[in-house]
Protein backbone atom coordinates (compact mmCIF):
# COMPACT_ATOMS: atom_id res chain seq x y z
CA MET A 1 94.91 79.85 18.17
CA ILE A 2 96.97 77.50 17.15
CA SER A 3 96.60 79.18 13.22
CA GLU A 4 97.67 82.67 14.71
CA LYS A 5 101.06 81.39 16.60
CA MET A 6 101.56 79.45 13.62
CA ARG A 7 101.50 82.46 11.29
CA LYS A 8 103.75 84.84 14.06
CA ALA A 9 106.59 81.95 13.87
CA ILE A 10 106.42 81.80 9.72
CA GLU A 11 106.81 85.77 10.66
CA LYS A 12 109.50 85.54 13.41
CA ARG A 13 111.31 83.24 10.78
CA LEU A 14 110.91 85.70 8.20
CA SER A 15 112.85 88.55 10.05
CA PHE A 16 115.91 86.37 10.27
CA GLY A 17 116.48 87.42 7.23
CA GLY A 18 119.77 86.47 6.23
CA ALA A 19 122.12 84.29 3.13
CA HIS A 20 119.71 81.70 3.59
CA PRO A 21 116.22 81.31 1.62
CA PRO A 22 113.42 82.57 3.65
CA PRO A 23 111.13 79.79 5.05
CA ARG A 24 108.49 78.55 2.96
CA PRO A 25 105.49 77.02 3.51
CA LEU A 26 103.87 74.98 0.99
CA PRO A 27 100.24 73.89 0.42
CA PRO A 28 98.89 71.15 2.66
CA ASP A 29 98.28 67.97 1.33
CA PRO A 30 95.07 65.92 0.89
CA LEU A 31 93.64 65.71 4.65
CA ASP A 32 92.40 61.91 4.12
CA ALA A 33 93.98 59.31 6.07
CA GLY A 34 95.22 60.43 9.39
CA VAL A 35 99.20 61.70 10.30
CA PRO A 36 101.34 59.16 9.65
CA THR A 37 103.58 57.33 12.18
CA LEU A 38 106.99 55.63 11.76
CA LYS A 39 105.49 52.23 11.67
CA PRO A 40 104.85 51.59 8.12
CA GLY A 41 101.02 51.51 7.36
CA ILE A 42 99.67 52.96 10.68
CA ARG A 43 98.23 56.51 11.19
CA ARG A 44 97.27 58.52 13.80
CA LYS A 45 93.54 59.90 13.70
CA PHE A 46 93.93 64.24 13.84
CA SER A 47 93.80 65.78 16.81
CA PRO A 48 92.63 69.28 16.83
CA MET A 49 95.94 71.04 16.81
CA LEU A 50 97.63 68.52 14.20
CA ARG A 51 94.06 68.96 11.85
CA LYS A 52 95.14 73.11 12.06
CA ARG A 53 98.57 72.84 11.16
CA PHE A 54 97.97 70.08 8.14
CA GLU A 55 94.93 71.55 6.61
CA GLU A 56 96.75 74.93 6.67
CA TYR A 57 100.02 74.01 5.49
CA GLY A 58 102.01 70.99 3.87
CA ARG A 59 106.24 70.51 3.98
CA TRP A 60 107.58 74.01 5.73
CA GLU A 61 111.21 74.48 4.95
CA ARG A 62 113.59 76.12 7.09
CA ALA A 63 110.69 76.27 9.98
CA THR A 64 110.83 76.68 13.23
CA HIS A 65 113.35 73.48 14.28
CA ALA A 66 114.41 72.28 10.60
CA THR A 67 111.70 71.29 8.20
CA TRP A 68 108.64 70.25 9.32
CA LEU A 69 107.52 67.78 6.84
CA SER A 70 104.08 67.11 5.03
CA LEU A 71 101.95 64.05 5.60
CA ASP A 72 103.62 62.61 2.30
CA ASP A 73 106.87 63.11 3.93
CA MET A 74 106.48 61.45 6.85
CA ALA A 75 104.56 58.55 4.55
CA SER A 76 107.67 58.58 2.83
CA LEU A 77 109.09 57.41 5.44
CA TRP A 78 107.97 54.24 4.75
CA GLU A 79 109.22 53.79 1.38
CA GLU A 80 112.36 51.14 1.07
CA ALA A 81 114.60 54.30 -0.43
CA PRO A 82 112.64 57.85 -1.01
CA ALA A 83 113.21 59.15 -4.73
CA ASP A 84 113.14 62.57 -3.06
CA PRO A 85 116.78 63.25 -1.85
CA LEU A 86 115.56 65.00 1.34
CA ARG A 87 113.11 62.71 1.83
CA ALA A 88 116.01 59.90 1.69
CA GLU A 89 117.72 62.03 4.25
CA TYR A 90 114.98 62.29 6.56
CA LYS A 91 114.94 58.43 6.42
CA LEU A 92 118.30 58.16 6.87
CA GLN A 93 118.53 60.03 10.07
CA TYR A 94 115.94 58.56 11.79
CA GLU A 95 117.38 55.01 11.44
CA ALA A 96 120.63 56.59 12.49
CA ALA A 97 118.76 58.27 16.21
CA LYS A 98 117.09 55.12 16.40
CA ALA A 99 120.45 52.75 15.97
CA ASP A 100 122.32 55.24 17.65
CA TRP A 101 121.35 57.40 19.92
CA PRO A 102 119.47 55.36 23.19
CA ASN A 103 117.82 58.30 24.93
CA HIS A 104 115.98 59.16 21.73
CA ALA A 105 112.19 58.87 21.43
CA THR A 106 112.50 56.53 18.60
CA ALA A 107 114.93 53.87 20.48
CA LEU A 108 112.26 54.35 23.43
CA PHE A 109 108.97 54.08 21.64
CA ARG A 110 107.21 51.78 19.41
CA ASP A 111 107.18 53.12 16.03
CA ASP A 112 103.16 53.30 15.76
CA ARG A 113 103.72 55.72 18.79
CA LEU A 114 106.08 58.34 16.89
CA THR A 115 105.59 60.41 13.78
CA LEU A 116 108.35 62.09 12.81
CA PHE A 117 107.34 65.72 12.53
CA ALA A 118 110.64 67.76 11.43
CA VAL A 119 113.99 66.57 10.45
CA SER A 120 117.21 68.93 8.90
CA ASP A 121 118.96 68.02 6.61
CA LEU A 122 121.84 69.88 7.71
CA ASP A 123 122.57 68.98 11.34
CA ASN A 124 120.47 66.70 13.72
CA GLU A 125 117.78 68.77 14.47
CA SER A 126 115.06 66.84 14.35
CA VAL A 127 111.06 67.09 15.80
CA VAL A 128 109.40 64.67 17.24
CA LEU A 129 105.57 63.64 18.25
CA LEU A 130 105.12 60.84 21.00
CA TRP A 131 101.50 59.96 20.54
CA LEU A 132 100.20 58.98 24.11
CA ASP A 133 96.97 56.82 25.55
CA PHE A 134 93.77 59.24 26.54
CA GLU A 135 95.52 62.01 26.19
CA PRO A 136 94.02 64.56 22.85
CA GLU A 137 97.54 65.73 21.34
CA PRO A 138 100.68 64.24 20.96
CA GLU A 139 103.38 65.76 23.28
CA VAL A 140 106.38 67.05 20.92
CA TRP A 141 109.87 66.50 21.72
CA VAL A 142 112.71 68.44 19.84
CA TYR A 143 115.73 67.71 19.47
CA ASP A 144 118.48 70.89 18.77
CA ALA A 145 121.70 72.62 19.94
CA ASN A 146 120.43 72.97 23.19
CA GLY A 147 119.47 69.15 23.78
CA GLU A 148 116.30 67.48 24.28
CA SER A 149 112.99 69.84 24.71
CA ARG A 150 109.41 68.26 25.83
CA PHE A 151 106.43 69.62 25.16
CA ARG A 152 102.95 68.64 26.20
CA ASN A 153 101.73 69.86 22.66
CA LEU A 154 102.28 72.05 19.65
CA GLU A 155 100.90 75.27 20.85
CA ASP A 156 103.36 74.35 24.08
CA TYR A 157 106.06 74.46 21.30
CA LEU A 158 105.52 77.46 19.41
CA ASP A 159 105.05 79.43 22.33
CA ALA A 160 108.33 78.46 23.63
CA TYR A 161 109.94 79.28 20.31
CA LEU A 162 107.98 82.39 20.13
CA GLY A 163 109.23 83.09 23.26
CA ASP A 164 112.74 82.27 23.13
CA GLU A 165 111.81 79.83 25.09
CA VAL A 166 115.22 77.52 26.13
CA SER A 167 115.12 76.25 29.40
CA ALA A 168 112.06 73.46 28.20
CA ALA A 169 114.78 70.39 28.92
CA ARG A 170 114.27 71.58 32.75
CA ARG A 171 110.36 72.07 32.87
CA THR A 172 108.49 69.35 33.18
CA TRP A 173 104.29 69.58 33.85
CA ARG A 174 104.17 65.61 34.56
CA PRO A 175 104.13 64.74 38.20
């Protein structure tokens, strides 16, 4: 199910055309150690949806919101100064959001509960995973031109993207 939704999201992005290069999912990294969090050295066990996502693709440039990061991209945030300019930009944006955006997930939760999932090198769009206790999948928090939107998991996020849903900031699944 999640594989099909990722393929449909890629097809949708390709259909936009335009002057920008098309979206480009790259081959996956090895799945040996789990999903890196923002806390150096701490990884989370693959959830079923994220395992599928990372089995199929690595970095996905120009994805649904910004660039979906590969496992190696995520771990590079632990480096003092990433050599790759794109990774250095991701690290700078993460640090700025944490320091200057008090309602951003990076300011609200401990680094071991967060993973930077996607980030733009052109603007402040980003996607953060929030790892909660006793939940099978992390929540997906999206920051874009519509504000902040939260989704129960990756599948809900992709459903909203594929359905052009922009009202997620007004929906909640929590009582």
